[in-house]
C-alpha atoms as a PDB file:
ATOM      1  CA  MET A   1     -71.815 -16.167 -26.652  1.00  0.00           C
ATOM      2  CA  ASP A   2     -72.425 -16.443 -22.927  1.00  0.00           C
ATOM      3  CA  TYR A   3     -73.306 -19.640 -21.074  1.00  0.00           C
ATOM      4  CA  HIS A   4     -77.059 -18.967 -21.054  1.00  0.00           C
ATOM      5  CA  SER A   5     -77.157 -18.265 -24.798  1.00  0.00           C
ATOM      6  CA  TRP A   6     -75.133 -21.393 -25.501  1.00  0.00           C
ATOM      7  CA  PHE A   7     -77.391 -23.434 -23.221  1.00  0.00           C
ATOM      8  CA  ASP A   8     -80.540 -22.100 -24.927  1.00  0.00           C
ATOM      9  CA  THR A   9     -79.063 -22.832 -28.346  1.00  0.00           C
ATOM     10  CA  HIS A  10     -78.123 -26.373 -27.362  1.00  0.00           C
ATOM     11  CA  GLY A  11     -81.100 -27.107 -25.132  1.00  0.00           C
ATOM     12  CA  ALA A  12     -81.939 -30.347 -26.928  1.00  0.00           C
ATOM     13  CA  LEU A  13     -78.717 -31.823 -25.613  1.00  0.00           C
ATOM     14  CA  ALA A  14     -79.655 -30.811 -22.093  1.00  0.00           C
ATOM     15  CA  MET A  15     -82.518 -33.289 -22.075  1.00  0.00           C
ATOM     16  CA  THR A  16     -80.148 -36.191 -22.685  1.00  0.00           C
ATOM     17  CA  ALA A  17     -77.148 -34.833 -20.790  1.00  0.00           C
ATOM     18  CA  ARG A  18     -77.657 -37.093 -17.792  1.00  0.00           C
ATOM     19  CA  LYS A  19     -76.902 -40.066 -20.054  1.00  0.00           C
ATOM     20  CA  ALA A  20     -73.268 -38.911 -20.227  1.00  0.00           C
ATOM     21  CA  LYS A  21     -72.181 -39.290 -16.630  1.00  0.00           C
ATOM     22  CA  TRP A  22     -68.658 -40.301 -17.675  1.00  0.00           C
ATOM     23  CA  GLY A  23     -66.742 -39.021 -20.631  1.00  0.00           C
ATOM     24  CA  ARG A  24     -63.999 -36.901 -22.078  1.00  0.00           C
ATOM     25  CA  TYR A  25     -65.069 -33.722 -20.278  1.00  0.00           C
ATOM     26  CA  THR A  26     -65.191 -33.109 -16.556  1.00  0.00           C
ATOM     27  CA  ILE A  27     -64.876 -30.246 -14.092  1.00  0.00           C
ATOM     28  CA  ARG A  28     -62.274 -29.063 -11.603  1.00  0.00           C
ATOM     29  CA  ASP A  29     -61.529 -26.053  -9.442  1.00  0.00           C
ATOM     30  CA  ASP A  30     -59.933 -23.408 -11.655  1.00  0.00           C
ATOM     31  CA  GLY A  31     -57.718 -22.128  -8.823  1.00  0.00           C
ATOM     32  CA  THR A  32     -59.954 -19.184  -7.986  1.00  0.00           C
ATOM     33  CA  GLY A  33     -62.662 -21.051  -6.106  1.00  0.00           C
ATOM     34  CA  TRP A  34     -64.767 -21.342  -9.262  1.00  0.00           C
ATOM     35  CA  MET A  35     -65.010 -24.324 -11.573  1.00  0.00           C
ATOM     36  CA  ALA A  36     -63.663 -25.005 -15.063  1.00  0.00           C
ATOM     37  CA  VAL A  37     -64.674 -27.561 -17.664  1.00  0.00           C
ATOM     38  CA  TYR A  38     -61.652 -29.382 -19.037  1.00  0.00           C
ATOM     39  CA  ASP A  39     -60.730 -32.070 -21.515  1.00  0.00           C
ATOM     40  CA  ILE A  40     -59.236 -35.089 -19.723  1.00  0.00           C
ATOM     41  CA  PHE A  41     -57.183 -36.007 -22.798  1.00  0.00           C
ATOM     42  CA  THR A  42     -55.450 -32.642 -23.180  1.00  0.00           C
ATOM     43  CA  GLY A  43     -55.750 -31.298 -19.628  1.00  0.00           C
ATOM     44  CA  ARG A  44     -56.816 -27.956 -21.107  1.00  0.00           C
ATOM     45  CA  THR A  45     -59.810 -25.843 -20.229  1.00  0.00           C
ATOM     46  CA  VAL A  46     -62.552 -26.200 -22.836  1.00  0.00           C
ATOM     47  CA  GLU A  47     -63.368 -23.196 -25.016  1.00  0.00           C
ATOM     48  CA  LEU A  48     -66.776 -22.716 -26.629  1.00  0.00           C
ATOM     49  CA  ASP A  49     -66.866 -20.125 -29.391  1.00  0.00           C
ATOM     50  CA  GLY A  50     -63.448 -18.969 -28.165  1.00  0.00           C
ATOM     51  CA  ILE A  51     -64.628 -18.427 -24.576  1.00  0.00           C
ATOM     52  CA  PRO A  52     -62.856 -20.443 -21.850  1.00  0.00           C
ATOM     53  CA  MET A  53     -65.295 -22.419 -19.741  1.00  0.00           C
ATOM     54  CA  ASP A  54     -63.865 -21.335 -16.393  1.00  0.00           C
ATOM     55  CA  GLY A  55     -65.050 -19.080 -13.601  1.00  0.00           C
ATOM     56  CA  LEU A  56     -68.294 -21.081 -13.463  1.00  0.00           C
ATOM     57  CA  ASP A  57     -70.376 -22.234 -10.540  1.00  0.00           C
ATOM     58  CA  VAL A  58     -70.528 -26.005 -10.011  1.00  0.00           C
ATOM     59  CA  GLU A  59     -73.977 -26.420 -11.571  1.00  0.00           C
ATOM     60  CA  ALA A  60     -73.118 -24.530 -14.767  1.00  0.00           C
ATOM     61  CA  ALA A  61     -69.790 -26.321 -15.163  1.00  0.00           C
ATOM     62  CA  ASP A  62     -71.425 -29.705 -14.609  1.00  0.00           C
ATOM     63  CA  ASP A  63     -74.181 -28.940 -17.145  1.00  0.00           C
ATOM     64  CA  ILE A  64     -71.654 -27.910 -19.791  1.00  0.00           C
ATOM     65  CA  ALA A  65     -69.464 -30.972 -19.197  1.00  0.00           C
ATOM     66  CA  LEU A  66     -72.465 -33.271 -19.424  1.00  0.00           C
ATOM     67  CA  MET A  67     -73.706 -31.686 -22.656  1.00  0.00           C
ATOM     68  CA  LEU A  68     -70.248 -31.918 -24.203  1.00  0.00           C
ATOM     69  CA  ASN A  69     -70.052 -35.585 -23.214  1.00  0.00           C
ATOM     70  CA  VAL A  70     -73.431 -36.318 -24.821  1.00  0.00           C
ATOM     71  CA  ALA A  71     -72.278 -34.645 -28.039  1.00  0.00           C
ATOM     72  CA  GLU A  72     -68.970 -36.544 -27.944  1.00  0.00           C
ATOM     73  CA  ASN A  73     -70.687 -39.866 -27.262  1.00  0.00           C
ATOM     74  CA  GLU A  74     -73.114 -39.282 -30.148  1.00  0.00           C
ATOM     75  CA  ARG A  75     -70.226 -38.355 -32.430  1.00  0.00           C
ATOM     76  CA  LEU A  76     -68.346 -41.534 -31.482  1.00  0.00           C
ATOM     77  CA  ALA A  77     -71.492 -43.618 -32.005  1.00  0.00           C
ATOM     78  CA  GLY A  78     -71.864 -42.147 -35.494  1.00  0.00           C
ATOM     79  CA  LYS A  79     -75.072 -40.273 -34.715  1.00  0.00           C
ATOM     80  CA  THR A  80     -73.690 -36.889 -35.805  1.00  0.00           C
ATOM     81  CA  HIS A  81     -71.481 -35.644 -38.635  1.00  0.00           C
END
């Protein structure tokens, strides 16, 4: 699943993504001039459906990190399974 498909599938999270400014997921340069989304606890690049979230432009990486943080925050608050 590519980024755009994932984004369309999870669009509801996009509306609340700005609420998750800080969280477990953030972005960094992946060493090629592009950005990667990574987990601050493990230091590893995030994979969605087995696809590493690297080689992204800043906007896409930021959107993915924010959506992941919203999902994580909701999980921790007991709002999801």
